[in-house]
Amino acid sequence: MPVIVAENPLDCVAIGTGKALENIHLFKSRSSSAVRSRR
């Protein structure tokens, strides 16, 4: 598995969190369907 070690890991966390928040609608729809499939 190829990996990249970041020079600034904390910056990567902040950037990744920002990207996740920009696309939170995608996470909400997926988590809702995951809950439904468990029932």
Protein backbone atom coordinates (compact mmCIF):
# COMPACT_ATOMS: atom_id res chain seq x y z
CA MET A 1 0.00 0.00 0.00
CA PRO A 2 1.61 3.29 -1.04
CA VAL A 3 1.66 5.96 1.65
CA ILE A 4 2.73 9.58 1.87
CA VAL A 5 4.07 11.00 5.12
CA ALA A 6 2.93 14.60 5.43
CA GLU A 7 5.30 17.35 6.44
CA ASN A 8 2.54 18.92 8.54
CA PRO A 9 0.16 16.20 9.77
CA LEU A 10 -2.01 18.67 11.68
CA ASP A 11 -2.55 20.67 8.48
CA CYS A 12 -3.68 17.47 6.76
CA VAL A 13 -6.22 16.83 9.50
CA ALA A 14 -7.55 20.39 9.18
CA ILE A 15 -7.77 20.18 5.39
CA GLY A 16 -9.43 16.75 5.50
CA THR A 17 -11.95 17.96 8.07
CA GLY A 18 -12.74 20.97 5.89
CA LYS A 19 -13.31 18.73 2.87
CA ALA A 20 -15.54 16.43 4.90
CA LEU A 21 -17.61 19.38 6.12
CA GLU A 22 -17.96 20.71 2.57
CA ASN A 23 -19.42 17.34 1.56
CA ILE A 24 -21.33 16.50 4.74
CA HIS A 25 -24.49 15.90 2.72
CA LEU A 26 -22.79 12.85 1.20
CA PHE A 27 -21.95 11.45 4.63
CA LYS A 28 -25.45 12.02 5.95
CA SER A 29 -27.10 10.13 3.10
CA ARG A 30 -24.67 7.22 3.41
CA SER A 31 -24.97 6.93 7.17
CA SER A 32 -28.77 6.92 6.94
CA SER A 33 -28.76 4.05 4.46
CA ALA A 34 -26.26 2.12 6.60
CA VAL A 35 -28.57 2.38 9.60
CA ARG A 36 -31.54 1.19 7.53
CA SER A 37 -29.62 -1.82 6.21
CA ARG A 38 -28.77 -2.97 9.75
CA ARG A 39 -32.44 -3.27 10.76
